[in-house]
Amino acid sequence: MTSPRINVTPLIDVLLVLLIIFMVVAPLKPSSFKAKVPNEPVETPARPNPNTLVVAVDRNLSLSVNSLKELGTVDDPSLLVGKLKSLFKEREANGDIDDNGNVVRSVFIKAPRNIGYGKVVKVIDAVKSSGADPLALQIDYLEE
């Protein structure tokens, strides 16, 4: 008795047909794509929003809000917290509200790169305790 054998002729036929299909389709595949590159930005002087508050940490770890200097230090931000609370109360009394009907309390925090992460976190905590919401870190024009 002979052992059964697999007839491979149909398998080879199928493989040859697939090979021909792939050889025909391969040149039709796009070999590259076109990327859209944005234009150069137009330099226009940007005016800051009058409601924008920027808490800056100086190199000597003193704190300031916009043009108001000497509002404490990183280790003692009580003057900063008091000033921010009073600014938010003034805005509430003046009716400075955003699109959602809330008092504008957004604050940006700007610090040089060479101070430690923990000191920036202390400033963030102090600004949060004053009632600021939302908070953002300003990363442009950082000093070394």
N, C-alpha and C. Protein backbone atom coordinates (compact mmCIF):
# COMPACT_ATOMS: atom_id res chain seq x y z
N MET A 1 0.81 -1.16 0.00
CA MET A 1 0.00 0.00 0.00
C MET A 1 0.88 1.25 0.00
N THR A 2 0.49 2.22 -0.77
CA THR A 2 1.29 3.44 -0.87
C THR A 2 0.74 4.50 0.09
N SER A 3 1.61 5.31 0.57
CA SER A 3 1.19 6.38 1.49
C SER A 3 0.63 7.56 0.69
N PRO A 4 -0.33 8.25 1.25
CA PRO A 4 -0.92 9.38 0.53
C PRO A 4 0.08 10.53 0.37
N ARG A 5 0.03 11.21 -0.75
CA ARG A 5 0.91 12.35 -1.03
C ARG A 5 0.07 13.59 -1.29
N ILE A 6 0.60 14.71 -0.87
CA ILE A 6 -0.09 15.98 -1.11
C ILE A 6 0.27 16.44 -2.50
N ASN A 7 -0.75 16.80 -3.26
CA ASN A 7 -0.53 17.32 -4.60
C ASN A 7 -0.21 18.81 -4.47
N VAL A 8 1.02 19.20 -4.77
CA VAL A 8 1.46 20.59 -4.61
C VAL A 8 1.26 21.42 -5.86
N THR A 9 0.84 20.84 -6.93
CA THR A 9 0.66 21.58 -8.18
C THR A 9 -0.36 22.72 -8.02
N PRO A 10 -1.54 22.49 -7.41
CA PRO A 10 -2.47 23.62 -7.23
C PRO A 10 -1.89 24.71 -6.33
N LEU A 11 -1.11 24.35 -5.33
CA LEU A 11 -0.50 25.35 -4.45
C LEU A 11 0.48 26.22 -5.21
N ILE A 12 1.27 25.61 -6.07
CA ILE A 12 2.22 26.37 -6.87
C ILE A 12 1.48 27.29 -7.83
N ASP A 13 0.39 26.82 -8.40
CA ASP A 13 -0.41 27.66 -9.30
C ASP A 13 -0.94 28.89 -8.56
N VAL A 14 -1.43 28.71 -7.36
CA VAL A 14 -1.95 29.82 -6.57
C VAL A 14 -0.83 30.80 -6.24
N LEU A 15 0.33 30.29 -5.85
CA LEU A 15 1.45 31.16 -5.53
C LEU A 15 1.90 31.96 -6.74
N LEU A 16 1.93 31.36 -7.90
CA LEU A 16 2.32 32.08 -9.11
C LEU A 16 1.31 33.18 -9.45
N VAL A 17 0.03 32.88 -9.29
CA VAL A 17 -0.99 33.90 -9.55
C VAL A 17 -0.84 35.06 -8.58
N LEU A 18 -0.60 34.78 -7.29
CA LEU A 18 -0.39 35.85 -6.31
C LEU A 18 0.86 36.66 -6.63
N LEU A 19 1.91 35.99 -7.07
CA LEU A 19 3.15 36.69 -7.43
C LEU A 19 2.89 37.64 -8.58
N ILE A 20 2.15 37.21 -9.57
CA ILE A 20 1.85 38.08 -10.72
C ILE A 20 0.98 39.27 -10.27
N ILE A 21 0.01 39.02 -9.40
CA ILE A 21 -0.84 40.12 -8.91
C ILE A 21 -0.01 41.15 -8.17
N PHE A 22 0.88 40.70 -7.28
CA PHE A 22 1.71 41.65 -6.54
C PHE A 22 2.68 42.39 -7.44
N MET A 23 3.18 41.75 -8.47
CA MET A 23 4.09 42.42 -9.41
C MET A 23 3.36 43.49 -10.20
N VAL A 24 2.08 43.28 -10.49
CA VAL A 24 1.32 44.28 -11.23
C VAL A 24 0.91 45.43 -10.32
N VAL A 25 0.55 45.14 -9.08
CA VAL A 25 0.05 46.16 -8.17
C VAL A 25 1.17 47.00 -7.57
N ALA A 26 2.36 46.46 -7.39
CA ALA A 26 3.46 47.17 -6.72
C ALA A 26 3.81 48.49 -7.38
N PRO A 27 3.90 48.61 -8.70
CA PRO A 27 4.22 49.92 -9.27
C PRO A 27 3.09 50.94 -9.11
N LEU A 28 1.88 50.52 -8.87
CA LEU A 28 0.77 51.45 -8.72
C LEU A 28 0.72 52.08 -7.33
N LYS A 29 1.44 51.51 -6.38
CA LYS A 29 1.47 52.04 -5.01
C LYS A 29 2.21 53.38 -5.00
N PRO A 30 1.67 54.40 -4.33
CA PRO A 30 2.38 55.69 -4.30
C PRO A 30 3.69 55.54 -3.53
N SER A 31 4.75 56.08 -4.09
CA SER A 31 6.05 55.92 -3.46
C SER A 31 6.38 57.07 -2.51
N SER A 32 5.64 58.16 -2.60
CA SER A 32 5.89 59.27 -1.69
C SER A 32 4.57 60.00 -1.46
N PHE A 33 4.59 60.91 -0.50
CA PHE A 33 3.42 61.73 -0.24
C PHE A 33 3.87 63.17 -0.15
N LYS A 34 2.98 64.05 -0.42
CA LYS A 34 3.29 65.47 -0.40
C LYS A 34 2.87 66.06 0.95
N ALA A 35 3.79 66.71 1.59
CA ALA A 35 3.50 67.33 2.89
C ALA A 35 3.21 68.81 2.68
N LYS A 36 2.26 69.30 3.42
CA LYS A 36 1.96 70.73 3.38
C LYS A 36 2.78 71.42 4.46
N VAL A 37 3.61 72.32 4.06
CA VAL A 37 4.48 73.04 4.97
C VAL A 37 3.85 74.40 5.24
N PRO A 38 3.75 74.79 6.50
CA PRO A 38 3.13 76.10 6.79
C PRO A 38 4.00 77.25 6.33
N ASN A 39 3.37 78.38 6.06
CA ASN A 39 4.09 79.58 5.65
C ASN A 39 4.82 80.17 6.84
N GLU A 40 5.74 81.06 6.55
CA GLU A 40 6.46 81.75 7.61
C GLU A 40 5.47 82.60 8.41
N PRO A 41 5.60 82.63 9.73
CA PRO A 41 4.67 83.45 10.51
C PRO A 41 4.89 84.94 10.25
N VAL A 42 3.82 85.66 10.24
CA VAL A 42 3.89 87.10 10.06
C VAL A 42 4.13 87.73 11.42
N GLU A 43 5.14 88.55 11.50
CA GLU A 43 5.49 89.19 12.77
C GLU A 43 4.55 90.36 13.02
N THR A 44 3.63 90.17 13.93
CA THR A 44 2.75 91.26 14.34
C THR A 44 2.91 91.44 15.84
N PRO A 45 3.01 92.66 16.27
CA PRO A 45 3.15 92.85 17.71
C PRO A 45 1.87 92.44 18.43
N ALA A 46 2.02 91.54 19.36
CA ALA A 46 0.86 91.04 20.10
C ALA A 46 0.64 91.90 21.34
N ARG A 47 -0.58 92.30 21.53
CA ARG A 47 -0.92 93.06 22.73
C ARG A 47 -1.43 92.07 23.78
N PRO A 48 -0.86 92.12 24.95
CA PRO A 48 -1.36 91.21 25.99
C PRO A 48 -2.75 91.62 26.44
N ASN A 49 -3.50 90.63 26.83
CA ASN A 49 -4.83 90.87 27.36
C ASN A 49 -4.68 91.61 28.69
N PRO A 50 -5.48 92.65 28.94
CA PRO A 50 -5.33 93.38 30.21
C PRO A 50 -5.66 92.52 31.42
N ASN A 51 -6.38 91.44 31.24
CA ASN A 51 -6.70 90.56 32.37
C ASN A 51 -5.63 89.51 32.61
N THR A 52 -4.59 89.49 31.81
CA THR A 52 -3.55 88.48 31.96
C THR A 52 -2.67 88.81 33.16
N LEU A 53 -2.51 87.83 34.02
CA LEU A 53 -1.63 87.97 35.19
C LEU A 53 -0.46 87.01 35.02
N VAL A 54 0.75 87.54 35.10
CA VAL A 54 1.95 86.73 34.98
C VAL A 54 2.72 86.85 36.29
N VAL A 55 2.83 85.74 36.99
CA VAL A 55 3.64 85.69 38.21
C VAL A 55 5.03 85.26 37.80
N ALA A 56 6.00 86.14 38.03
CA ALA A 56 7.38 85.86 37.61
C ALA A 56 8.25 85.63 38.83
N VAL A 57 9.12 84.64 38.70
CA VAL A 57 10.13 84.36 39.73
C VAL A 57 11.45 84.90 39.21
N ASP A 58 12.06 85.82 39.95
CA ASP A 58 13.33 86.39 39.52
C ASP A 58 14.48 85.47 39.91
N ARG A 59 15.67 85.83 39.46
CA ARG A 59 16.85 85.00 39.78
C ARG A 59 17.13 84.96 41.27
N ASN A 60 16.80 86.05 41.96
CA ASN A 60 17.04 86.08 43.41
C ASN A 60 15.85 85.51 44.18
N LEU A 61 14.94 84.78 43.48
CA LEU A 61 13.78 84.10 44.04
C LEU A 61 12.72 85.04 44.58
N SER A 62 12.74 86.32 44.17
CA SER A 62 11.66 87.23 44.55
C SER A 62 10.53 87.09 43.54
N LEU A 63 9.32 87.41 43.97
CA LEU A 63 8.13 87.22 43.15
C LEU A 63 7.58 88.56 42.71
N SER A 64 6.97 88.57 41.52
CA SER A 64 6.32 89.76 41.01
C SER A 64 5.11 89.36 40.19
N VAL A 65 4.15 90.28 40.11
CA VAL A 65 2.96 90.08 39.28
C VAL A 65 2.94 91.22 38.27
N ASN A 66 3.02 90.88 36.99
CA ASN A 66 3.09 91.86 35.91
C ASN A 66 4.15 92.90 36.23
N SER A 67 3.79 94.14 36.51
CA SER A 67 4.80 95.17 36.79
C SER A 67 4.99 95.41 38.29
N LEU A 68 4.23 94.73 39.13
CA LEU A 68 4.36 94.90 40.58
C LEU A 68 5.50 94.03 41.10
N LYS A 69 6.53 94.66 41.62
CA LYS A 69 7.72 93.93 42.09
C LYS A 69 7.67 93.72 43.59
N GLU A 70 8.59 92.90 44.05
CA GLU A 70 8.81 92.66 45.48
C GLU A 70 7.53 92.23 46.21
N LEU A 71 6.95 91.13 45.75
CA LEU A 71 5.77 90.56 46.41
C LEU A 71 6.15 89.29 47.16
N GLY A 72 7.21 89.36 47.89
CA GLY A 72 7.65 88.22 48.68
C GLY A 72 8.68 87.39 47.93
N THR A 73 8.99 86.25 48.52
CA THR A 73 9.95 85.32 47.91
C THR A 73 9.28 83.97 47.75
N VAL A 74 10.02 83.06 47.14
CA VAL A 74 9.49 81.71 46.94
C VAL A 74 9.20 81.05 48.28
N ASP A 75 10.05 81.29 49.27
CA ASP A 75 9.88 80.67 50.58
C ASP A 75 8.80 81.35 51.41
N ASP A 76 8.47 82.62 51.13
CA ASP A 76 7.41 83.34 51.85
C ASP A 76 6.55 84.11 50.85
N PRO A 77 5.59 83.42 50.20
CA PRO A 77 4.78 84.07 49.17
C PRO A 77 3.50 84.73 49.70
N SER A 78 3.46 85.08 50.98
CA SER A 78 2.22 85.60 51.56
C SER A 78 1.80 86.93 50.93
N LEU A 79 2.77 87.80 50.58
CA LEU A 79 2.42 89.07 49.92
C LEU A 79 1.81 88.82 48.54
N LEU A 80 2.35 87.84 47.83
CA LEU A 80 1.82 87.47 46.51
C LEU A 80 0.39 86.96 46.63
N VAL A 81 0.14 86.08 47.57
CA VAL A 81 -1.20 85.51 47.76
C VAL A 81 -2.19 86.62 48.10
N GLY A 82 -1.80 87.53 48.99
CA GLY A 82 -2.68 88.64 49.35
C GLY A 82 -2.98 89.54 48.17
N LYS A 83 -1.97 89.84 47.36
CA LYS A 83 -2.16 90.70 46.20
C LYS A 83 -3.08 90.03 45.18
N LEU A 84 -2.89 88.74 44.92
CA LEU A 84 -3.75 88.04 43.96
C LEU A 84 -5.19 87.98 44.45
N LYS A 85 -5.38 87.72 45.74
CA LYS A 85 -6.74 87.70 46.29
C LYS A 85 -7.43 89.05 46.13
N SER A 86 -6.68 90.13 46.39
CA SER A 86 -7.27 91.46 46.24
C SER A 86 -7.57 91.77 44.78
N LEU A 87 -6.71 91.33 43.85
CA LEU A 87 -6.98 91.53 42.43
C LEU A 87 -8.23 90.78 41.99
N PHE A 88 -8.40 89.56 42.49
CA PHE A 88 -9.58 88.78 42.13
C PHE A 88 -10.86 89.40 42.71
N LYS A 89 -10.76 89.98 43.92
CA LYS A 89 -11.93 90.65 44.52
C LYS A 89 -12.29 91.91 43.72
N GLU A 90 -11.26 92.65 43.27
CA GLU A 90 -11.51 93.83 42.44
C GLU A 90 -12.20 93.43 41.14
N ARG A 91 -11.74 92.35 40.53
CA ARG A 91 -12.35 91.90 39.28
C ARG A 91 -13.79 91.47 39.50
N GLU A 92 -14.04 90.84 40.62
CA GLU A 92 -15.41 90.43 40.92
C GLU A 92 -16.30 91.65 41.11
N ALA A 93 -15.78 92.67 41.80
CA ALA A 93 -16.55 93.89 42.03
C ALA A 93 -16.77 94.66 40.72
N ASN A 94 -15.77 94.64 39.82
CA ASN A 94 -15.88 95.36 38.55
C ASN A 94 -16.68 94.60 37.51
N GLY A 95 -16.94 93.34 37.77
CA GLY A 95 -17.71 92.54 36.81
C GLY A 95 -16.87 92.02 35.66
N ASP A 96 -15.57 91.84 35.87
CA ASP A 96 -14.71 91.26 34.83
C ASP A 96 -14.98 89.77 34.76
N ILE A 97 -15.76 89.35 33.79
CA ILE A 97 -16.10 87.94 33.67
C ILE A 97 -15.69 87.42 32.30
N ASP A 98 -15.51 86.11 32.21
CA ASP A 98 -15.14 85.48 30.95
C ASP A 98 -16.39 85.05 30.20
N ASP A 99 -16.21 84.26 29.15
CA ASP A 99 -17.33 83.83 28.32
C ASP A 99 -18.32 82.94 29.07
N ASN A 100 -17.85 82.25 30.10
CA ASN A 100 -18.71 81.34 30.85
C ASN A 100 -19.40 82.02 32.03
N GLY A 101 -19.16 83.29 32.23
CA GLY A 101 -19.78 84.00 33.34
C GLY A 101 -19.01 83.92 34.63
N ASN A 102 -17.77 83.44 34.59
CA ASN A 102 -16.93 83.34 35.79
C ASN A 102 -15.96 84.51 35.84
N VAL A 103 -15.53 84.86 37.05
CA VAL A 103 -14.53 85.90 37.22
C VAL A 103 -13.21 85.40 36.62
N VAL A 104 -12.53 86.30 35.89
CA VAL A 104 -11.28 85.92 35.25
C VAL A 104 -10.21 85.76 36.32
N ARG A 105 -9.72 84.53 36.49
CA ARG A 105 -8.72 84.23 37.52
C ARG A 105 -7.54 83.45 36.93
N SER A 106 -7.32 83.54 35.64
CA SER A 106 -6.22 82.79 35.03
C SER A 106 -4.89 83.47 35.32
N VAL A 107 -3.89 82.65 35.61
CA VAL A 107 -2.56 83.14 35.98
C VAL A 107 -1.52 82.31 35.24
N PHE A 108 -0.51 83.00 34.71
CA PHE A 108 0.65 82.35 34.11
C PHE A 108 1.82 82.46 35.07
N ILE A 109 2.60 81.41 35.17
CA ILE A 109 3.77 81.40 36.05
C ILE A 109 5.01 81.28 35.19
N LYS A 110 5.95 82.19 35.42
CA LYS A 110 7.17 82.25 34.63
C LYS A 110 8.36 82.18 35.59
N ALA A 111 9.27 81.25 35.32
CA ALA A 111 10.43 81.08 36.20
C ALA A 111 11.65 80.77 35.35
N PRO A 112 12.83 81.17 35.79
CA PRO A 112 14.04 80.82 35.06
C PRO A 112 14.33 79.32 35.16
N ARG A 113 15.08 78.82 34.21
CA ARG A 113 15.35 77.39 34.16
C ARG A 113 16.27 76.90 35.27
N ASN A 114 17.09 77.78 35.80
CA ASN A 114 18.11 77.32 36.74
C ASN A 114 17.62 77.17 38.18
N ILE A 115 16.35 77.52 38.47
CA ILE A 115 15.87 77.27 39.83
C ILE A 115 15.26 75.88 39.89
N GLY A 116 15.19 75.32 41.07
CA GLY A 116 14.74 73.96 41.24
C GLY A 116 13.25 73.79 41.03
N TYR A 117 12.88 72.57 40.70
CA TYR A 117 11.47 72.22 40.47
C TYR A 117 10.63 72.46 41.72
N GLY A 118 11.18 72.15 42.88
CA GLY A 118 10.44 72.30 44.13
C GLY A 118 10.07 73.75 44.41
N LYS A 119 10.92 74.68 44.01
CA LYS A 119 10.62 76.10 44.24
C LYS A 119 9.48 76.56 43.33
N VAL A 120 9.45 76.04 42.11
CA VAL A 120 8.35 76.39 41.20
C VAL A 120 7.04 75.80 41.73
N VAL A 121 7.10 74.61 42.29
CA VAL A 121 5.90 73.99 42.86
C VAL A 121 5.38 74.81 44.04
N LYS A 122 6.28 75.38 44.84
CA LYS A 122 5.85 76.24 45.95
C LYS A 122 5.09 77.45 45.42
N VAL A 123 5.57 78.02 44.32
CA VAL A 123 4.88 79.17 43.73
C VAL A 123 3.52 78.75 43.19
N ILE A 124 3.46 77.59 42.53
CA ILE A 124 2.19 77.08 42.00
C ILE A 124 1.19 76.89 43.13
N ASP A 125 1.64 76.30 44.23
CA ASP A 125 0.75 76.09 45.39
C ASP A 125 0.26 77.41 45.96
N ALA A 126 1.15 78.41 46.03
CA ALA A 126 0.76 79.70 46.56
C ALA A 126 -0.28 80.36 45.65
N VAL A 127 -0.08 80.27 44.35
CA VAL A 127 -1.02 80.88 43.41
C VAL A 127 -2.36 80.16 43.46
N LYS A 128 -2.33 78.83 43.59
CA LYS A 128 -3.58 78.08 43.72
C LYS A 128 -4.33 78.47 44.98
N SER A 129 -3.60 78.69 46.08
CA SER A 129 -4.26 79.03 47.34
C SER A 129 -4.90 80.41 47.29
N SER A 130 -4.48 81.24 46.35
CA SER A 130 -5.10 82.56 46.22
C SER A 130 -6.42 82.50 45.46
N GLY A 131 -6.74 81.35 44.86
CA GLY A 131 -8.00 81.19 44.14
C GLY A 131 -7.87 81.25 42.64
N ALA A 132 -6.65 81.22 42.11
CA ALA A 132 -6.44 81.28 40.66
C ALA A 132 -6.85 79.97 40.01
N ASP A 133 -7.53 80.13 38.87
CA ASP A 133 -7.93 78.94 38.11
C ASP A 133 -8.29 79.40 36.71
N PRO A 134 -7.67 78.95 35.68
CA PRO A 134 -6.64 77.94 35.55
C PRO A 134 -5.24 78.53 35.71
N LEU A 135 -4.29 77.64 35.90
CA LEU A 135 -2.88 78.00 35.98
C LEU A 135 -2.18 77.50 34.73
N ALA A 136 -1.15 78.22 34.31
CA ALA A 136 -0.36 77.78 33.16
C ALA A 136 1.08 78.19 33.39
N LEU A 137 2.00 77.41 32.83
CA LEU A 137 3.41 77.74 32.90
C LEU A 137 3.80 78.45 31.61
N GLN A 138 4.43 79.59 31.74
CA GLN A 138 4.87 80.35 30.58
C GLN A 138 6.30 79.94 30.29
N ILE A 139 6.54 79.43 29.08
CA ILE A 139 7.86 78.90 28.79
C ILE A 139 8.62 79.71 27.76
N ASP A 140 8.06 80.80 27.23
CA ASP A 140 8.80 81.57 26.27
C ASP A 140 9.70 82.57 26.96
N TYR A 141 10.81 82.86 26.36
CA TYR A 141 11.79 83.81 26.85
C TYR A 141 12.28 83.48 28.26
N LEU A 142 12.57 82.21 28.49
CA LEU A 142 13.08 81.84 29.81
C LEU A 142 14.53 82.22 29.91
N GLU A 143 14.90 82.70 31.06
CA GLU A 143 16.29 83.06 31.31
C GLU A 143 17.06 81.84 31.74
N GLU A 144 18.30 81.82 31.38
CA GLU A 144 19.16 80.69 31.77
C GLU A 144 19.64 80.85 33.18
